[in-house]
Structure formats: C-alpha cells, structure tokens
PDB file of all heavy atoms in Angstrom:
ATOM      1  N   ARG A   1      91.584 179.613 -89.023  1.00  0.00           N
ATOM      2  CA  ARG A   1      90.742 179.892 -87.867  1.00  0.00           C
ATOM      3  C   ARG A   1      91.229 181.282 -87.285  1.00  0.00           C
ATOM      4  O   ARG A   1      92.342 181.513 -86.981  1.00  0.00           O
ATOM      5  CB  ARG A   1      90.871 178.801 -86.857  1.00  0.00           C
ATOM      6  CG  ARG A   1      89.832 178.842 -85.738  1.00  0.00           C
ATOM      7  CD  ARG A   1      89.904 177.588 -84.881  1.00  0.00           C
ATOM      8  NE  ARG A   1      89.560 176.365 -85.733  1.00  0.00           N
ATOM      9  CZ  ARG A   1      89.399 175.120 -85.204  1.00  0.00           C
ATOM     10  NH1 ARG A   1      89.467 174.959 -83.908  1.00  0.00           N
ATOM     11  NH2 ARG A   1      89.103 174.161 -86.025  1.00  0.00           N
ATOM     12  N   GLU A   2      90.188 182.056 -87.002  1.00  0.00           N
ATOM     13  CA  GLU A   2      90.480 183.435 -86.465  1.00  0.00           C
ATOM     14  C   GLU A   2      89.681 183.677 -85.197  1.00  0.00           C
ATOM     15  O   GLU A   2      88.658 183.186 -84.926  1.00  0.00           O
ATOM     16  CB  GLU A   2      90.040 184.461 -87.507  1.00  0.00           C
ATOM     17  CG  GLU A   2      88.656 184.536 -87.811  1.00  0.00           C
ATOM     18  CD  GLU A   2      88.293 185.715 -88.785  1.00  0.00           C
ATOM     19  OE1 GLU A   2      89.264 186.274 -89.373  1.00  0.00           O
ATOM     20  OE2 GLU A   2      87.116 185.922 -89.126  1.00  0.00           O
ATOM     21  N   PHE A   3      90.293 184.519 -84.375  1.00  0.00           N
ATOM     22  CA  PHE A   3      89.722 184.987 -83.133  1.00  0.00           C
ATOM     23  C   PHE A   3      88.523 185.862 -83.350  1.00  0.00           C
ATOM     24  O   PHE A   3      88.650 186.769 -84.172  1.00  0.00           O
ATOM     25  CB  PHE A   3      90.752 185.698 -82.291  1.00  0.00           C
ATOM     26  CG  PHE A   3      90.187 186.371 -81.094  1.00  0.00           C
ATOM     27  CD1 PHE A   3      89.917 185.604 -79.940  1.00  0.00           C
ATOM     28  CD2 PHE A   3      90.019 187.726 -80.957  1.00  0.00           C
ATOM     29  CE1 PHE A   3      89.468 186.237 -78.783  1.00  0.00           C
ATOM     30  CE2 PHE A   3      89.536 188.329 -79.853  1.00  0.00           C
ATOM     31  CZ  PHE A   3      89.249 187.548 -78.789  1.00  0.00           C
ATOM     32  N   VAL A   4      87.429 185.628 -82.589  1.00  0.00           N
ATOM     33  CA  VAL A   4      86.240 186.397 -82.776  1.00  0.00           C
ATOM     34  C   VAL A   4      86.006 187.263 -81.506  1.00  0.00           C
ATOM     35  O   VAL A   4      85.951 188.454 -81.504  1.00  0.00           O
ATOM     36  CB  VAL A   4      84.914 185.641 -83.025  1.00  0.00           C
ATOM     37  CG1 VAL A   4      83.714 186.483 -83.097  1.00  0.00           C
ATOM     38  CG2 VAL A   4      85.088 184.785 -84.310  1.00  0.00           C
ATOM     39  N   VAL A   5      85.971 186.579 -80.392  1.00  0.00           N
ATOM     40  CA  VAL A   5      85.693 187.293 -79.110  1.00  0.00           C
ATOM     41  C   VAL A   5      86.155 186.439 -77.974  1.00  0.00           C
ATOM     42  O   VAL A   5      86.133 185.182 -77.944  1.00  0.00           O
ATOM     43  CB  VAL A   5      84.217 187.590 -79.014  1.00  0.00           C
ATOM     44  CG1 VAL A   5      83.364 186.400 -79.016  1.00  0.00           C
ATOM     45  CG2 VAL A   5      83.913 188.444 -77.682  1.00  0.00           C
ATOM     46  N   GLY A   6      86.586 187.075 -76.795  1.00  0.00           N
ATOM     47  CA  GLY A   6      86.965 186.381 -75.599  1.00  0.00           C
ATOM     48  C   GLY A   6      86.398 187.108 -74.361  1.00  0.00           C
ATOM     49  O   GLY A   6      86.139 188.270 -74.396  1.00  0.00           O
ATOM     50  N   ILE A   7      86.277 186.426 -73.350  1.00  0.00           N
ATOM     51  CA  ILE A   7      85.817 186.863 -72.104  1.00  0.00           C
ATOM     52  C   ILE A   7      86.598 186.260 -70.966  1.00  0.00           C
ATOM     53  O   ILE A   7      86.923 185.050 -70.941  1.00  0.00           O
ATOM     54  CB  ILE A   7      84.290 186.614 -71.860  1.00  0.00           C
ATOM     55  CG1 ILE A   7      83.808 187.344 -70.602  1.00  0.00           C
ATOM     56  CG2 ILE A   7      83.946 185.092 -71.792  1.00  0.00           C
ATOM     57  CD1 ILE A   7      82.255 187.395 -70.545  1.00  0.00           C
ATOM     58  N   SER A   8      87.060 187.084 -70.026  1.00  0.00           N
ATOM     59  CA  SER A   8      87.828 186.607 -68.875  1.00  0.00           C
ATOM     60  C   SER A   8      87.122 185.644 -68.016  1.00  0.00           C
ATOM     61  O   SER A   8      85.853 185.627 -68.045  1.00  0.00           O
ATOM     62  CB  SER A   8      88.411 187.835 -68.163  1.00  0.00           C
ATOM     63  OG  SER A   8      87.435 188.518 -67.500  1.00  0.00           O
ATOM     64  N   TRP A   9      87.829 185.021 -67.138  1.00  0.00           N
ATOM     65  CA  TRP A   9      87.245 184.149 -66.240  1.00  0.00           C
ATOM     66  C   TRP A   9      86.144 184.734 -65.349  1.00  0.00           C
ATOM     67  O   TRP A   9      85.139 184.017 -65.048  1.00  0.00           O
ATOM     68  CB  TRP A   9      88.259 183.471 -65.268  1.00  0.00           C
ATOM     69  CG  TRP A   9      88.840 184.345 -64.344  1.00  0.00           C
ATOM     70  CD1 TRP A   9      89.984 185.178 -64.561  1.00  0.00           C
ATOM     71  CD2 TRP A   9      88.423 184.660 -63.028  1.00  0.00           C
ATOM     72  NE1 TRP A   9      90.296 185.873 -63.440  1.00  0.00           N
ATOM     73  CE2 TRP A   9      89.339 185.608 -62.495  1.00  0.00           C
ATOM     74  CE3 TRP A   9      87.386 184.210 -62.250  1.00  0.00           C
ATOM     75  CZ2 TRP A   9      89.132 186.117 -61.180  1.00  0.00           C
ATOM     76  CZ3 TRP A   9      87.169 184.621 -60.915  1.00  0.00           C
ATOM     77  CH2 TRP A   9      88.125 185.614 -60.426  1.00  0.00           C
ATOM     78  N   SER A  10      86.289 186.011 -65.045  1.00  0.00           N
ATOM     79  CA  SER A  10      85.358 186.649 -64.156  1.00  0.00           C
ATOM     80  C   SER A  10      84.176 187.277 -64.931  1.00  0.00           C
ATOM     81  O   SER A  10      83.198 187.693 -64.377  1.00  0.00           O
ATOM     82  CB  SER A  10      86.154 187.728 -63.362  1.00  0.00           C
ATOM     83  OG  SER A  10      86.531 188.761 -64.316  1.00  0.00           O
ATOM     84  N   GLY A  11      84.362 187.351 -66.236  1.00  0.00           N
ATOM     85  CA  GLY A  11      83.417 188.110 -67.070  1.00  0.00           C
ATOM     86  C   GLY A  11      83.612 189.589 -67.047  1.00  0.00           C
ATOM     87  O   GLY A  11      82.864 190.337 -67.720  1.00  0.00           O
ATOM     88  N   ARG A  12      84.585 190.117 -66.359  1.00  0.00           N
ATOM     89  CA  ARG A  12      84.853 191.477 -66.271  1.00  0.00           C
ATOM     90  C   ARG A  12      85.390 192.073 -67.456  1.00  0.00           C
ATOM     91  O   ARG A  12      85.135 193.240 -67.828  1.00  0.00           O
ATOM     92  CB  ARG A  12      85.792 191.779 -65.126  1.00  0.00           C
ATOM     93  CG  ARG A  12      86.015 193.239 -64.798  1.00  0.00           C
ATOM     94  CD  ARG A  12      86.887 193.396 -63.591  1.00  0.00           C
ATOM     95  NE  ARG A  12      87.237 194.802 -63.303  1.00  0.00           N
ATOM     96  CZ  ARG A  12      88.011 195.224 -62.317  1.00  0.00           C
ATOM     97  NH1 ARG A  12      88.567 194.273 -61.497  1.00  0.00           N
ATOM     98  NH2 ARG A  12      88.272 196.444 -62.138  1.00  0.00           N
ATOM     99  N   PHE A  13      86.191 191.348 -68.192  1.00  0.00           N
ATOM    100  CA  PHE A  13      86.934 191.893 -69.357  1.00  0.00           C
ATOM    101  C   PHE A  13      86.405 191.089 -70.684  1.00  0.00           C
ATOM    102  O   PHE A  13      86.364 189.838 -70.519  1.00  0.00           O
ATOM    103  CB  PHE A  13      88.441 191.741 -69.226  1.00  0.00           C
ATOM    104  CG  PHE A  13      88.941 192.528 -68.030  1.00  0.00           C
ATOM    105  CD1 PHE A  13      89.280 191.852 -66.865  1.00  0.00           C
ATOM    106  CD2 PHE A  13      89.037 193.873 -68.030  1.00  0.00           C
ATOM    107  CE1 PHE A  13      89.657 192.456 -65.719  1.00  0.00           C
ATOM    108  CE2 PHE A  13      89.589 194.515 -66.914  1.00  0.00           C
ATOM    109  CZ  PHE A  13      89.894 193.896 -65.770  1.00  0.00           C
ATOM    110  N   THR A  14      86.334 191.807 -71.712  1.00  0.00           N
ATOM    111  CA  THR A  14      85.998 191.223 -72.989  1.00  0.00           C
ATOM    112  C   THR A  14      86.934 191.789 -73.994  1.00  0.00           C
ATOM    113  O   THR A  14      87.427 192.916 -73.929  1.00  0.00           O
ATOM    114  CB  THR A  14      84.590 191.366 -73.357  1.00  0.00           C
ATOM    115  OG1 THR A  14      84.248 192.804 -73.386  1.00  0.00           O
ATOM    116  CG2 THR A  14      83.563 190.729 -72.391  1.00  0.00           C
ATOM    117  N   SER A  15      87.081 190.992 -75.113  1.00  0.00           N
ATOM    118  CA  SER A  15      87.818 191.477 -76.243  1.00  0.00           C
ATOM    119  C   SER A  15      87.206 190.979 -77.506  1.00  0.00           C
ATOM    120  O   SER A  15      86.861 189.811 -77.622  1.00  0.00           O
ATOM    121  CB  SER A  15      89.273 190.934 -76.163  1.00  0.00           C
ATOM    122  OG  SER A  15      90.047 191.427 -77.249  1.00  0.00           O
ATOM    123  N   TYR A  16      87.044 191.943 -78.403  1.00  0.00           N
ATOM    124  CA  TYR A  16      86.370 191.571 -79.749  1.00  0.00           C
ATOM    125  C   TYR A  16      87.188 191.841 -80.935  1.00  0.00           C
ATOM    126  O   TYR A  16      88.015 192.893 -80.964  1.00  0.00           O
ATOM    127  CB  TYR A  16      85.068 192.408 -79.890  1.00  0.00           C
ATOM    128  CG  TYR A  16      83.990 192.115 -78.877  1.00  0.00           C
ATOM    129  CD1 TYR A  16      84.025 192.843 -77.577  1.00  0.00           C
ATOM    130  CD2 TYR A  16      82.934 191.271 -79.146  1.00  0.00           C
ATOM    131  CE1 TYR A  16      83.010 192.505 -76.753  1.00  0.00           C
ATOM    132  CE2 TYR A  16      81.972 191.019 -78.237  1.00  0.00           C
ATOM    133  CZ  TYR A  16      82.018 191.654 -77.017  1.00  0.00           C
ATOM    134  OH  TYR A  16      81.000 191.370 -76.080  1.00  0.00           O
ATOM    135  N   ALA A  17      87.080 190.983 -81.889  1.00  0.00           N
ATOM    136  CA  ALA A  17      87.718 191.363 -83.139  1.00  0.00           C
ATOM    137  C   ALA A  17      87.062 192.597 -83.726  1.00  0.00           C
ATOM    138  O   ALA A  17      85.878 192.781 -83.579  1.00  0.00           O
ATOM    139  CB  ALA A  17      87.681 190.110 -84.149  1.00  0.00           C
ATOM    140  N   ASP A  18      87.796 193.363 -84.438  1.00  0.00           N
ATOM    141  CA  ASP A  18      87.293 194.581 -85.033  1.00  0.00           C
ATOM    142  C   ASP A  18      86.137 194.309 -85.889  1.00  0.00           C
ATOM    143  O   ASP A  18      85.143 195.125 -85.977  1.00  0.00           O
ATOM    144  CB  ASP A  18      88.359 195.365 -85.842  1.00  0.00           C
ATOM    145  CG  ASP A  18      89.414 195.981 -84.927  1.00  0.00           C
ATOM    146  OD1 ASP A  18      89.093 196.224 -83.740  1.00  0.00           O
ATOM    147  OD2 ASP A  18      90.499 196.299 -85.388  1.00  0.00           O
ATOM    148  N   SER A  19      86.106 193.252 -86.580  1.00  0.00           N
ATOM    149  CA  SER A  19      85.093 192.893 -87.559  1.00  0.00           C
ATOM    150  C   SER A  19      83.722 192.683 -86.992  1.00  0.00           C
ATOM    151  O   SER A  19      82.676 192.725 -87.646  1.00  0.00           O
ATOM    152  CB  SER A  19      85.455 191.731 -88.475  1.00  0.00           C
ATOM    153  OG  SER A  19      85.693 190.535 -87.624  1.00  0.00           O
ATOM    154  N   VAL A  20      83.601 192.436 -85.686  1.00  0.00           N
ATOM    155  CA  VAL A  20      82.366 192.134 -85.041  1.00  0.00           C
ATOM    156  C   VAL A  20      81.997 193.080 -83.899  1.00  0.00           C
ATOM    157  O   VAL A  20      80.832 193.000 -83.394  1.00  0.00           O
ATOM    158  CB  VAL A  20      82.421 190.654 -84.462  1.00  0.00           C
ATOM    159  CG1 VAL A  20      82.722 189.734 -85.437  1.00  0.00           C
ATOM    160  CG2 VAL A  20      83.312 190.532 -83.179  1.00  0.00           C
ATOM    161  N   LYS A  21      82.805 194.113 -83.654  1.00  0.00           N
ATOM    162  CA  LYS A  21      82.535 195.060 -82.667  1.00  0.00           C
ATOM    163  C   LYS A  21      81.256 195.809 -82.971  1.00  0.00           C
ATOM    164  O   LYS A  21      80.986 196.219 -84.038  1.00  0.00           O
ATOM    165  CB  LYS A  21      83.617 196.073 -82.524  1.00  0.00           C
ATOM    166  CG  LYS A  21      84.875 195.569 -81.868  1.00  0.00           C
ATOM    167  CD  LYS A  21      85.970 196.612 -81.748  1.00  0.00           C
ATOM    168  CE  LYS A  21      87.182 196.037 -81.051  1.00  0.00           C
ATOM    169  NZ  LYS A  21      88.308 197.063 -80.949  1.00  0.00           N
ATOM    170  N   GLY A  22      80.328 195.919 -81.949  1.00  0.00           N
ATOM    171  CA  GLY A  22      79.107 196.617 -82.120  1.00  0.00           C
ATOM    172  C   GLY A  22      77.992 195.732 -82.638  1.00  0.00           C
ATOM    173  O   GLY A  22      76.819 196.114 -82.644  1.00  0.00           O
ATOM    174  N   ARG A  23      78.392 194.538 -83.054  1.00  0.00           N
ATOM    175  CA  ARG A  23      77.437 193.521 -83.529  1.00  0.00           C
ATOM    176  C   ARG A  23      77.201 192.348 -82.622  1.00  0.00           C
ATOM    177  O   ARG A  23      76.197 191.739 -82.468  1.00  0.00           O
ATOM    178  CB  ARG A  23      77.556 193.129 -84.992  1.00  0.00           C
ATOM    179  CG  ARG A  23      77.692 194.326 -85.965  1.00  0.00           C
ATOM    180  CD  ARG A  23      77.851 193.829 -87.421  1.00  0.00           C
ATOM    181  NE  ARG A  23      79.111 193.137 -87.636  1.00  0.00           N
ATOM    182  CZ  ARG A  23      79.127 191.809 -87.991  1.00  0.00           C
ATOM    183  NH1 ARG A  23      77.990 191.178 -88.165  1.00  0.00           N
ATOM    184  NH2 ARG A  23      80.272 191.273 -88.142  1.00  0.00           N
ATOM    185  N   PHE A  24      78.418 191.830 -82.224  1.00  0.00           N
ATOM    186  CA  PHE A  24      78.429 190.610 -81.374  1.00  0.00           C
ATOM    187  C   PHE A  24      78.592 190.972 -79.856  1.00  0.00           C
ATOM    188  O   PHE A  24      79.338 191.899 -79.516  1.00  0.00           O
ATOM    189  CB  PHE A  24      79.572 189.728 -81.758  1.00  0.00           C
ATOM    190  CG  PHE A  24      79.421 189.092 -83.093  1.00  0.00           C
ATOM    191  CD1 PHE A  24      78.416 189.503 -83.964  1.00  0.00           C
ATOM    192  CD2 PHE A  24      80.256 188.016 -83.472  1.00  0.00           C
ATOM    193  CE1 PHE A  24      78.261 188.853 -85.186  1.00  0.00           C
ATOM    194  CE2 PHE A  24      80.135 187.371 -84.722  1.00  0.00           C
ATOM    195  CZ  PHE A  24      79.132 187.840 -85.578  1.00  0.00           C
ATOM    196  N   THR A  25      77.983 190.191 -78.955  1.00  0.00           N
ATOM    197  CA  THR A  25      78.149 190.331 -77.548  1.00  0.00           C
ATOM    198  C   THR A  25      78.382 188.971 -76.863  1.00  0.00           C
ATOM    199  O   THR A  25      77.579 188.122 -77.128  1.00  0.00           O
ATOM    200  CB  THR A  25      76.945 191.010 -76.907  1.00  0.00           C
ATOM    201  OG1 THR A  25      76.744 192.344 -77.527  1.00  0.00           O
ATOM    202  CG2 THR A  25      77.219 191.259 -75.449  1.00  0.00           C
ATOM    203  N   ILE A  26      79.440 188.918 -76.144  1.00  0.00           N
ATOM    204  CA  ILE A  26      79.723 187.632 -75.424  1.00  0.00           C
ATOM    205  C   ILE A  26      79.381 187.858 -73.910  1.00  0.00           C
ATOM    206  O   ILE A  26      79.448 188.964 -73.358  1.00  0.00           O
ATOM    207  CB  ILE A  26      81.223 187.303 -75.493  1.00  0.00           C
ATOM    208  CG1 ILE A  26      81.430 185.863 -74.954  1.00  0.00           C
ATOM    209  CG2 ILE A  26      82.132 188.215 -74.868  1.00  0.00           C
ATOM    210  CD1 ILE A  26      82.843 185.260 -75.251  1.00  0.00           C
ATOM    211  N   SER A  27      78.864 186.831 -73.423  1.00  0.00           N
ATOM    212  CA  SER A  27      78.560 186.822 -71.896  1.00  0.00           C
ATOM    213  C   SER A  27      78.725 185.481 -71.364  1.00  0.00           C
ATOM    214  O   SER A  27      78.862 184.393 -72.148  1.00  0.00           O
ATOM    215  CB  SER A  27      77.095 187.273 -71.673  1.00  0.00           C
ATOM    216  OG  SER A  27      76.191 186.414 -72.335  1.00  0.00           O
ATOM    217  N   ARG A  28      78.817 185.370 -70.057  1.00  0.00           N
ATOM    218  CA  ARG A  28      78.906 183.895 -69.500  1.00  0.00           C
ATOM    219  C   ARG A  28      78.221 183.976 -68.225  1.00  0.00           C
ATOM    220  O   ARG A  28      77.954 184.897 -67.440  1.00  0.00           O
ATOM    221  CB  ARG A  28      80.409 183.659 -69.267  1.00  0.00           C
ATOM    222  CG  ARG A  28      81.145 184.443 -68.189  1.00  0.00           C
ATOM    223  CD  ARG A  28      82.651 184.201 -68.173  1.00  0.00           C
ATOM    224  NE  ARG A  28      82.981 182.845 -67.835  1.00  0.00           N
ATOM    225  CZ  ARG A  28      84.144 182.225 -67.985  1.00  0.00           C
ATOM    226  NH1 ARG A  28      85.089 183.000 -68.540  1.00  0.00           N
ATOM    227  NH2 ARG A  28      84.283 180.953 -67.611  1.00  0.00           N
ATOM    228  N   ASP A  29      77.752 182.785 -67.894  1.00  0.00           N
ATOM    229  CA  ASP A  29      77.036 182.484 -66.681  1.00  0.00           C
ATOM    230  C   ASP A  29      77.812 181.265 -65.961  1.00  0.00           C
ATOM    231  O   ASP A  29      77.531 180.126 -66.315  1.00  0.00           O
ATOM    232  CB  ASP A  29      75.537 182.021 -66.919  1.00  0.00           C
ATOM    233  CG  ASP A  29      74.755 181.996 -65.629  1.00  0.00           C
ATOM    234  OD1 ASP A  29      75.383 181.696 -64.611  1.00  0.00           O
ATOM    235  OD2 ASP A  29      73.514 182.089 -65.733  1.00  0.00           O
ATOM    236  N   ASN A  30      78.661 181.583 -65.060  1.00  0.00           N
ATOM    237  CA  ASN A  30      79.497 180.535 -64.489  1.00  0.00           C
ATOM    238  C   ASN A  30      78.673 179.580 -63.743  1.00  0.00           C
ATOM    239  O   ASN A  30      79.025 178.480 -63.542  1.00  0.00           O
ATOM    240  CB  ASN A  30      80.593 181.137 -63.670  1.00  0.00           C
ATOM    241  CG  ASN A  30      81.687 181.887 -64.421  1.00  0.00           C
ATOM    242  OD1 ASN A  30      81.764 181.672 -65.711  1.00  0.00           O
ATOM    243  ND2 ASN A  30      82.461 182.658 -63.818  1.00  0.00           N
ATOM    244  N   ALA A  31      77.542 180.018 -63.085  1.00  0.00           N
ATOM    245  CA  ALA A  31      76.723 179.156 -62.367  1.00  0.00           C
ATOM    246  C   ALA A  31      76.008 178.068 -63.222  1.00  0.00           C
ATOM    247  O   ALA A  31      75.776 176.981 -62.771  1.00  0.00           O
ATOM    248  CB  ALA A  31      75.615 179.897 -61.667  1.00  0.00           C
ATOM    249  N   LYS A  32      75.900 178.423 -64.535  1.00  0.00           N
ATOM    250  CA  LYS A  32      75.337 177.412 -65.485  1.00  0.00           C
ATOM    251  C   LYS A  32      76.393 176.811 -66.430  1.00  0.00           C
ATOM    252  O   LYS A  32      76.044 176.002 -67.246  1.00  0.00           O
ATOM    253  CB  LYS A  32      74.282 178.082 -66.355  1.00  0.00           C
ATOM    254  CG  LYS A  32      73.096 178.590 -65.580  1.00  0.00           C
ATOM    255  CD  LYS A  32      72.090 179.283 -66.456  1.00  0.00           C
ATOM    256  CE  LYS A  32      70.884 179.730 -65.765  1.00  0.00           C
ATOM    257  NZ  LYS A  32      69.797 180.387 -66.615  1.00  0.00           N
ATOM    258  N   ASN A  33      77.615 177.155 -66.158  1.00  0.00           N
ATOM    259  CA  ASN A  33      78.774 176.624 -67.003  1.00  0.00           C
ATOM    260  C   ASN A  33      78.550 176.903 -68.481  1.00  0.00           C
ATOM    261  O   ASN A  33      78.768 175.934 -69.286  1.00  0.00           O
ATOM    262  CB  ASN A  33      78.945 175.149 -66.699  1.00  0.00           C
ATOM    263  CG  ASN A  33      79.464 174.845 -65.284  1.00  0.00           C
ATOM    264  OD1 ASN A  33      80.150 175.732 -64.660  1.00  0.00           O
ATOM    265  ND2 ASN A  33      79.220 173.725 -64.830  1.00  0.00           N
ATOM    266  N   THR A  34      78.030 178.048 -68.798  1.00  0.00           N
ATOM    267  CA  THR A  34      77.668 178.393 -70.154  1.00  0.00           C
ATOM    268  C   THR A  34      78.168 179.746 -70.584  1.00  0.00           C
ATOM    269  O   THR A  34      78.137 180.644 -69.802  1.00  0.00           O
ATOM    270  CB  THR A  34      76.203 178.273 -70.292  1.00  0.00           C
ATOM    271  OG1 THR A  34      75.695 176.984 -69.913  1.00  0.00           O
ATOM    272  CG2 THR A  34      75.788 178.559 -71.747  1.00  0.00           C
ATOM    273  N   VAL A  35      78.584 179.715 -71.751  1.00  0.00           N
ATOM    274  CA  VAL A  35      78.976 181.071 -72.407  1.00  0.00           C
ATOM    275  C   VAL A  35      78.112 181.263 -73.690  1.00  0.00           C
ATOM    276  O   VAL A  35      77.759 180.269 -74.342  1.00  0.00           O
ATOM    277  CB  VAL A  35      80.550 181.039 -72.765  1.00  0.00           C
ATOM    278  CG1 VAL A  35      80.839 179.994 -73.783  1.00  0.00           C
ATOM    279  CG2 VAL A  35      80.915 182.503 -73.259  1.00  0.00           C
ATOM    280  N   TYR A  36      77.791 182.525 -73.962  1.00  0.00           N
ATOM    281  CA  TYR A  36      76.904 182.849 -74.987  1.00  0.00           C
ATOM    282  C   TYR A  36      77.522 183.828 -75.944  1.00  0.00           C
ATOM    283  O   TYR A  36      78.385 184.607 -75.625  1.00  0.00           O
ATOM    284  CB  TYR A  36      75.615 183.481 -74.451  1.00  0.00           C
ATOM    285  CG  TYR A  36      74.921 182.601 -73.475  1.00  0.00           C
ATOM    286  CD1 TYR A  36      75.123 182.914 -72.012  1.00  0.00           C
ATOM    287  CD2 TYR A  36      73.994 181.639 -73.745  1.00  0.00           C
ATOM    288  CE1 TYR A  36      74.423 182.142 -71.088  1.00  0.00           C
ATOM    289  CE2 TYR A  36      73.340 180.923 -72.802  1.00  0.00           C
ATOM    290  CZ  TYR A  36      73.633 181.103 -71.470  1.00  0.00           C
ATOM    291  OH  TYR A  36      72.947 180.431 -70.554  1.00  0.00           O
ATOM    292  N   LEU A  37      77.086 183.714 -77.189  1.00  0.00           N
ATOM    293  CA  LEU A  37      77.475 184.759 -78.230  1.00  0.00           C
ATOM    294  C   LEU A  37      76.232 185.174 -78.934  1.00  0.00           C
ATOM    295  O   LEU A  37      75.674 184.443 -79.620  1.00  0.00           O
ATOM    296  CB  LEU A  37      78.494 184.133 -79.164  1.00  0.00           C
ATOM    297  CG  LEU A  37      79.022 185.160 -80.256  1.00  0.00           C
ATOM    298  CD1 LEU A  37      79.732 186.298 -79.600  1.00  0.00           C
ATOM    299  CD2 LEU A  37      79.887 184.375 -81.256  1.00  0.00           C
ATOM    300  N   GLN A  38      75.846 186.463 -78.623  1.00  0.00           N
ATOM    301  CA  GLN A  38      74.725 187.017 -79.223  1.00  0.00           C
ATOM    302  C   GLN A  38      75.197 187.791 -80.509  1.00  0.00           C
ATOM    303  O   GLN A  38      76.141 188.616 -80.395  1.00  0.00           O
ATOM    304  CB  GLN A  38      74.010 188.012 -78.361  1.00  0.00           C
ATOM    305  CG  GLN A  38      72.813 188.786 -79.077  1.00  0.00           C
ATOM    306  CD  GLN A  38      71.622 187.799 -79.293  1.00  0.00           C
ATOM    307  OE1 GLN A  38      71.316 186.966 -78.438  1.00  0.00           O
ATOM    308  NE2 GLN A  38      71.128 187.899 -80.471  1.00  0.00           N
ATOM    309  N   MET A  39      74.835 187.395 -81.663  1.00  0.00           N
ATOM    310  CA  MET A  39      75.205 187.899 -83.007  1.00  0.00           C
ATOM    311  C   MET A  39      73.992 188.610 -83.565  1.00  0.00           C
ATOM    312  O   MET A  39      73.074 187.996 -83.954  1.00  0.00           O
ATOM    313  CB  MET A  39      75.736 186.759 -83.796  1.00  0.00           C
ATOM    314  CG  MET A  39      76.853 185.932 -83.205  1.00  0.00           C
ATOM    315  SD  MET A  39      77.549 184.682 -84.307  1.00  0.00           S
ATOM    316  CE  MET A  39      76.052 183.696 -84.602  1.00  0.00           C
ATOM    317  N   ASN A  40      74.226 189.943 -83.819  1.00  0.00           N
ATOM    318  CA  ASN A  40      73.189 190.731 -84.414  1.00  0.00           C
ATOM    319  C   ASN A  40      73.746 191.360 -85.681  1.00  0.00           C
ATOM    320  O   ASN A  40      74.957 191.412 -85.869  1.00  0.00           O
ATOM    321  CB  ASN A  40      72.751 191.875 -83.473  1.00  0.00           C
ATOM    322  CG  ASN A  40      72.131 191.408 -82.139  1.00  0.00           C
ATOM    323  OD1 ASN A  40      71.416 190.402 -82.158  1.00  0.00           O
ATOM    324  ND2 ASN A  40      72.391 192.153 -81.107  1.00  0.00           N
ATOM    325  N   ASN A  41      72.865 191.736 -86.559  1.00  0.00           N
ATOM    326  CA  ASN A  41      73.236 192.403 -87.809  1.00  0.00           C
ATOM    327  C   ASN A  41      74.234 191.504 -88.551  1.00  0.00           C
ATOM    328  O   ASN A  41      75.205 192.021 -89.000  1.00  0.00           O
ATOM    329  CB  ASN A  41      73.690 193.764 -87.583  1.00  0.00           C
ATOM    330  CG  ASN A  41      73.845 194.561 -88.887  1.00  0.00           C
ATOM    331  OD1 ASN A  41      73.125 194.267 -89.846  1.00  0.00           O
ATOM    332  ND2 ASN A  41      74.727 195.585 -88.878  1.00  0.00           N
TER     333      ASN A  41
END
C-alpha cells in the first residue's frame, strides 16, 4: 500500500506522490464530511 495524496485538516496544505502530481487533485468539504479525489489523465 502506497501513499497517493493527503490534505490537512484545514484544507490549506496538500501533498501528492510524484507519480500523480499534475493529474490528481484532492479537496475536502468539511461541512459535508467528505473528501474528494479528482483523477485525470
């Protein structure tokens, strides 16, 4: 199992594995208790 992407509790900071940079985007909506991973290309 390998790390892909993380996002801080505030959503202010993100970290991506090199293999997905520029293709994947993480976001979160704390009001909806939901985190998303948009995966392109």
